[in-house]
N, C-alpha and C. Protein backbone atom coordinates (compact mmCIF):
# COMPACT_ATOMS: atom_id res chain seq x y z
N MET A 1 101.66 99.96 90.63
CA MET A 1 102.53 100.61 91.56
C MET A 1 102.48 102.11 90.40
N ASP A 2 102.01 103.31 91.04
CA ASP A 2 101.60 104.12 90.37
C ASP A 2 102.74 105.72 91.09
N ASP A 3 103.11 105.61 92.16
CA ASP A 3 104.34 106.17 92.48
C ASP A 3 105.90 105.78 92.07
N GLN A 4 106.38 106.13 91.33
CA GLN A 4 108.13 105.64 91.11
C GLN A 4 108.88 106.14 91.86
N GLY A 5 108.43 107.11 92.80
CA GLY A 5 109.78 107.64 93.68
C GLY A 5 110.92 107.96 93.27
N GLU A 6 111.59 107.66 93.56
CA GLU A 6 113.19 108.12 93.20
C GLU A 6 113.50 107.79 91.63
N PHE A 7 112.97 106.86 91.18
CA PHE A 7 113.37 106.72 90.01
C PHE A 7 112.29 106.82 88.91
N ASP A 8 112.41 107.78 88.53
CA ASP A 8 110.89 108.38 87.75
C ASP A 8 111.01 108.58 86.30
N PHE A 9 111.11 107.31 85.62
CA PHE A 9 111.71 107.55 83.86
C PHE A 9 110.36 107.32 83.34
N THR A 10 110.14 108.49 82.79
CA THR A 10 108.85 108.71 82.19
C THR A 10 108.70 108.09 80.54
N HIS A 11 110.18 107.98 79.91
CA HIS A 11 110.09 107.52 78.83
C HIS A 11 110.61 106.27 78.79
N ARG A 12 109.75 105.42 78.56
CA ARG A 12 110.21 103.76 78.73
C ARG A 12 110.15 103.03 77.17
N ALA A 13 109.83 103.84 76.37
CA ALA A 13 109.79 103.43 75.07
C ALA A 13 110.75 104.74 73.90
N ARG A 14 111.37 104.28 73.14
CA ARG A 14 112.11 105.17 72.09
C ARG A 14 110.99 105.49 71.02
N ARG A 15 110.86 107.09 70.56
CA ARG A 15 110.29 107.32 69.75
C ARG A 15 109.57 106.65 68.37
N THR A 16 110.94 105.81 68.35
CA THR A 16 110.86 105.03 66.85
C THR A 16 110.05 103.59 67.17
N ASP A 17 109.93 103.57 68.30
CA ASP A 17 109.49 102.03 68.82
C ASP A 17 107.91 101.66 68.12
N PRO A 18 107.54 100.53 67.80
CA PRO A 18 106.12 100.53 67.71
C PRO A 18 105.47 101.03 68.18
N LYS A 19 104.26 101.14 67.82
CA LYS A 19 103.09 101.27 69.06
C LYS A 19 102.76 100.41 69.99
N THR A 20 102.65 99.14 69.72
CA THR A 20 102.39 98.21 70.55
C THR A 20 103.71 98.10 71.85
N SER A 21 104.96 98.59 71.45
CA SER A 21 105.93 99.18 72.44
C SER A 21 105.94 99.93 73.29
N HIS A 22 105.30 101.27 73.09
CA HIS A 22 104.73 102.12 74.03
C HIS A 22 103.47 101.40 74.86
N ILE A 23 102.38 100.84 74.25
CA ILE A 23 101.56 100.27 75.11
C ILE A 23 102.40 99.38 76.09
N ALA A 24 102.84 98.55 75.84
CA ALA A 24 103.53 97.75 76.91
C ALA A 24 104.52 98.76 77.79
N ALA A 25 105.07 99.98 77.43
CA ALA A 25 105.80 100.51 78.24
C ALA A 25 105.03 101.14 79.43
N ALA A 26 104.05 101.47 78.66
CA ALA A 26 102.88 102.42 79.67
C ALA A 26 102.46 101.49 80.73
N GLY A 27 101.85 100.40 80.36
CA GLY A 27 101.65 99.10 81.77
C GLY A 27 102.68 98.44 82.35
N SER A 28 103.85 99.12 82.14
CA SER A 28 105.02 98.56 83.09
C SER A 28 105.57 99.13 84.16
N SER A 29 105.28 98.72 85.27
CA SER A 29 105.58 99.05 86.79
C SER A 29 106.78 98.53 87.26
N HIS A 30 107.67 97.67 86.43
CA HIS A 30 108.52 97.04 87.13
C HIS A 30 110.05 97.72 87.34
N LYS A 31 110.34 98.81 86.61
CA LYS A 31 111.44 99.46 86.51
C LYS A 31 111.85 100.03 87.80
N PRO A 32 111.04 100.71 88.69
CA PRO A 32 111.39 100.91 90.16
C PRO A 32 111.67 99.82 90.79
N VAL A 33 111.12 98.76 90.53
CA VAL A 33 111.19 97.78 91.49
C VAL A 33 112.37 97.04 91.36
N ARG A 34 112.97 97.18 90.18
CA ARG A 34 114.17 96.76 89.90
C ARG A 34 115.62 97.29 90.37
N TYR A 35 115.11 98.95 90.12
CA TYR A 35 116.07 99.86 90.61
C TYR A 35 116.40 99.43 92.21
N GLU A 36 115.51 99.33 92.92
CA GLU A 36 115.57 99.26 94.53
C GLU A 36 116.23 97.75 94.52
N LYS A 37 115.82 96.87 93.82
CA LYS A 37 116.41 95.59 94.49
C LYS A 37 118.23 95.71 94.04
N ILE A 38 118.33 96.25 92.74
CA ILE A 38 119.72 95.97 92.40
C ILE A 38 120.59 97.43 93.19
N LEU A 39 119.98 98.17 93.80
CA LEU A 39 120.90 99.17 94.61
C LEU A 39 120.85 98.55 96.10
N ALA A 40 119.60 97.74 96.64
CA ALA A 40 120.01 97.05 97.79
C ALA A 40 121.43 95.81 97.72
N ALA A 41 121.21 95.04 96.30
CA ALA A 41 121.89 94.38 96.37
C ALA A 41 123.62 95.02 96.06
N LEU A 42 123.50 95.91 95.28
CA LEU A 42 125.15 96.41 95.30
C LEU A 42 125.46 96.88 96.45
N LYS A 43 124.79 97.42 97.61
CA LYS A 43 125.13 98.05 98.82
C LYS A 43 125.71 96.96 99.53
N LEU A 44 125.55 95.55 99.56
CA LEU A 44 125.69 94.72 100.28
C LEU A 44 127.44 93.82 99.76
N MET A 45 127.52 94.43 98.57
CA MET A 45 128.76 93.74 97.64
C MET A 45 129.80 95.27 97.98
N GLU A 46 130.92 94.27 99.09
CA GLU A 46 132.36 95.16 99.11
C GLU A 46 132.97 95.64 98.11
N ASP A 47 133.16 94.54 96.99
CA ASP A 47 133.97 95.02 96.09
C ASP A 47 132.89 95.14 94.60
N GLY A 48 131.85 95.60 94.77
CA GLY A 48 130.74 96.23 93.74
C GLY A 48 130.53 94.85 93.12
N GLY A 49 129.58 94.74 91.69
CA GLY A 49 129.53 93.60 91.51
C GLY A 49 129.01 93.94 89.81
N THR A 50 129.24 93.03 88.91
CA THR A 50 129.14 92.96 87.67
C THR A 50 127.06 92.34 87.34
N CYS A 51 127.20 92.58 86.50
CA CYS A 51 125.56 92.39 85.81
C CYS A 51 125.50 91.15 85.89
N TYR A 52 126.29 90.09 86.17
CA TYR A 52 125.81 88.71 86.30
C TYR A 52 125.73 88.58 87.75
N GLU A 53 126.40 89.09 88.35
CA GLU A 53 126.54 88.95 90.05
C GLU A 53 125.64 89.86 90.92
N LEU A 54 125.22 90.85 89.87
CA LEU A 54 123.74 91.61 90.72
C LEU A 54 122.44 90.42 90.13
N ALA A 55 122.72 90.19 88.65
CA ALA A 55 121.36 89.20 88.62
C ALA A 55 121.17 88.08 89.21
N ARG A 56 122.07 87.75 90.03
CA ARG A 56 122.25 86.26 90.83
C ARG A 56 121.77 86.83 91.91
N ALA A 57 121.97 87.89 92.55
CA ALA A 57 121.51 88.53 93.94
C ALA A 57 120.17 88.99 93.70
N THR A 58 119.68 89.20 92.79
CA THR A 58 118.23 89.35 92.78
C THR A 58 117.52 88.93 92.22
N SER A 59 117.66 87.71 91.70
CA SER A 59 116.74 87.20 90.74
C SER A 59 116.62 87.17 89.70
N MET A 60 117.31 88.19 88.89
CA MET A 60 116.95 89.08 87.53
C MET A 60 117.87 88.37 86.86
N THR A 61 117.41 88.82 85.48
CA THR A 61 118.43 87.97 84.29
C THR A 61 119.55 89.00 84.24
N HIS A 62 120.56 88.96 83.47
CA HIS A 62 121.73 89.84 83.30
C HIS A 62 121.66 90.81 82.44
N VAL A 63 120.45 90.56 81.60
CA VAL A 63 120.07 91.85 80.54
C VAL A 63 118.98 92.72 81.50
N GLN A 64 118.36 92.31 82.41
CA GLN A 64 117.48 93.22 82.80
C GLN A 64 118.07 93.62 83.89
N VAL A 65 119.11 93.76 84.48
CA VAL A 65 120.02 94.29 85.12
C VAL A 65 121.10 95.37 84.21
N ALA A 66 121.72 94.43 83.12
CA ALA A 66 122.44 95.58 82.53
C ALA A 66 121.57 96.80 81.72
N ARG A 67 120.44 96.52 81.32
CA ARG A 67 119.52 97.40 80.82
C ARG A 67 119.12 98.71 82.36
N CYS A 68 119.42 98.30 83.27
CA CYS A 68 119.21 99.64 84.22
C CYS A 68 120.21 100.25 84.52
N MET A 69 121.61 99.56 84.44
CA MET A 69 123.03 100.10 85.23
C MET A 69 122.54 101.77 84.48
N LYS A 70 123.10 102.10 83.45
CA LYS A 70 123.20 103.31 82.74
C LYS A 70 122.09 104.25 83.24
N PRO A 71 121.12 103.77 83.11
CA PRO A 71 120.16 104.83 83.69
C PRO A 71 119.97 105.41 85.21
N MET A 72 120.49 104.38 85.83
CA MET A 72 120.45 104.51 87.42
C MET A 72 122.27 105.34 87.48
N GLU A 73 122.94 105.02 86.40
CA GLU A 73 124.26 105.86 86.90
C GLU A 73 123.94 107.04 86.59
N GLN A 74 123.15 107.58 85.56
CA GLN A 74 122.80 108.79 84.79
C GLN A 74 121.68 109.74 86.10
N LYS A 75 121.11 108.83 86.59
CA LYS A 75 120.48 109.55 87.71
C LYS A 75 121.11 110.09 88.70
N GLY A 76 122.23 110.05 88.99
CA GLY A 76 123.09 110.40 89.77
C GLY A 76 122.96 110.01 90.96
N TRP A 77 123.19 111.27 91.82
CA TRP A 77 122.72 111.38 93.67
C TRP A 77 121.39 111.01 93.38
N LEU A 78 121.13 110.23 94.57
CA LEU A 78 120.00 109.55 95.19
C LEU A 78 119.56 110.23 96.50
N PRO A 79 119.34 111.52 96.86
CA PRO A 79 119.06 111.76 98.13
C PRO A 79 118.37 111.08 98.88
N GLU A 80 117.42 110.30 98.59
CA GLU A 80 116.55 109.42 99.56
C GLU A 80 117.51 108.28 100.22
N HIS A 81 118.37 107.92 99.45
CA HIS A 81 119.04 106.75 99.70
C HIS A 81 120.80 107.25 100.00
N ARG A 82 121.17 108.60 100.00
CA ARG A 82 122.31 108.98 100.27
C ARG A 82 123.52 108.43 99.63
N CYS A 83 123.34 108.18 98.26
CA CYS A 83 124.29 107.31 97.38
C CYS A 83 124.15 107.63 95.92
N ARG A 84 125.05 106.93 95.08
CA ARG A 84 124.81 107.02 93.78
C ARG A 84 125.35 105.90 93.41
N ILE A 85 125.08 105.19 91.96
CA ILE A 85 125.45 104.32 91.33
C ILE A 85 126.79 104.89 90.41
N VAL A 86 128.14 104.16 90.77
CA VAL A 86 129.14 104.37 89.70
C VAL A 86 129.79 103.36 89.14
N ARG A 87 129.85 103.50 87.75
CA ARG A 87 130.84 102.42 87.11
C ARG A 87 132.36 102.82 87.58
N THR A 88 132.86 101.57 88.09
CA THR A 88 134.36 101.74 88.09
C THR A 88 134.80 100.98 86.80
N ASN A 89 136.38 101.30 87.17
CA ASN A 89 137.60 100.99 86.19
C ASN A 89 137.85 99.54 86.12
N ASN A 90 137.31 99.11 86.98
CA ASN A 90 137.33 97.72 87.40
C ASN A 90 136.73 96.82 86.32
N MET A 91 137.08 95.40 86.20
CA MET A 91 136.58 94.62 84.71
C MET A 91 136.37 93.05 85.56
N ARG A 92 135.34 92.41 85.66
CA ARG A 92 135.78 91.02 86.03
C ARG A 92 135.03 90.11 85.22
N LEU A 93 135.68 89.00 85.09
CA LEU A 93 135.11 87.99 83.38
C LEU A 93 133.31 87.72 84.19
N GLY A 94 132.55 87.62 83.32
CA GLY A 94 130.96 87.36 83.63
C GLY A 94 131.05 85.79 83.39
N ASP A 95 129.61 85.43 82.96
CA ASP A 95 129.55 84.08 83.38
C ASP A 95 130.01 83.59 81.84
N THR A 96 129.78 84.34 80.89
CA THR A 96 130.61 84.05 79.46
C THR A 96 131.76 84.19 79.10
N GLY A 97 132.39 84.38 80.38
CA GLY A 97 133.96 84.53 80.25
C GLY A 97 134.66 85.70 79.43
N HIS A 98 133.95 86.45 79.07
CA HIS A 98 134.18 87.95 78.67
C HIS A 98 134.05 89.07 79.93
N PRO A 99 134.98 89.96 79.77
CA PRO A 99 135.09 90.99 80.82
C PRO A 99 133.81 91.85 81.07
N CYS A 100 133.26 92.05 81.96
CA CYS A 100 132.51 92.99 82.64
C CYS A 100 132.64 94.12 83.59
N THR A 101 131.67 95.11 83.22
CA THR A 101 132.00 96.25 84.03
C THR A 101 131.63 96.00 85.28
N VAL A 102 132.36 96.46 86.72
CA VAL A 102 132.23 96.51 87.81
C VAL A 102 131.37 97.69 88.43
N TRP A 103 130.41 97.45 88.83
CA TRP A 103 129.81 98.69 89.55
C TRP A 103 129.39 98.73 90.87
N ARG A 104 129.58 99.71 91.46
CA ARG A 104 129.59 100.13 93.08
C ARG A 104 128.78 101.21 93.34
N VAL A 105 128.35 100.94 95.01
CA VAL A 105 127.49 102.57 95.01
C VAL A 105 128.34 103.37 95.92
N SER A 106 128.38 104.88 95.77
CA SER A 106 129.14 106.04 96.63
C SER A 106 128.31 106.52 97.22
N GLU A 107 128.65 106.83 98.51
CA GLU A 107 128.22 107.54 99.33
C GLU A 107 128.66 109.28 99.14
N GLN A 108 129.60 109.43 98.29
CA GLN A 108 130.25 110.67 98.29
C GLN A 108 129.22 111.65 97.13
N ALA A 109 128.82 112.29 97.48
CA ALA A 109 127.86 113.48 96.60
C ALA A 109 129.10 113.80 95.38
N PRO A 110 128.74 114.01 94.13
CA PRO A 110 129.40 114.45 92.95
C PRO A 110 129.72 115.62 93.02
């Protein structure tokens, strides 16, 4: 998948990561697909969703989802989707029994 579309993150590895991480990151094309899956699932959740809830809805692990949420939030307004991902002040218990951030889709431009 050469065209990353809406989610164009060119830095997939940190400067301090070993060379093997940079090689693996350069060959990875999964993030744009993950972002699209998370966004689609979140749009269906009226009360928003935690990383655990989104993981179940997308067949990803909660770690995969959690790693995507902050970059998606930082991306801001997504004109193609006419929405943005926002962190709410609400918390719900996750599968481990610890409080988890609830994320939602906002259709209001910032």
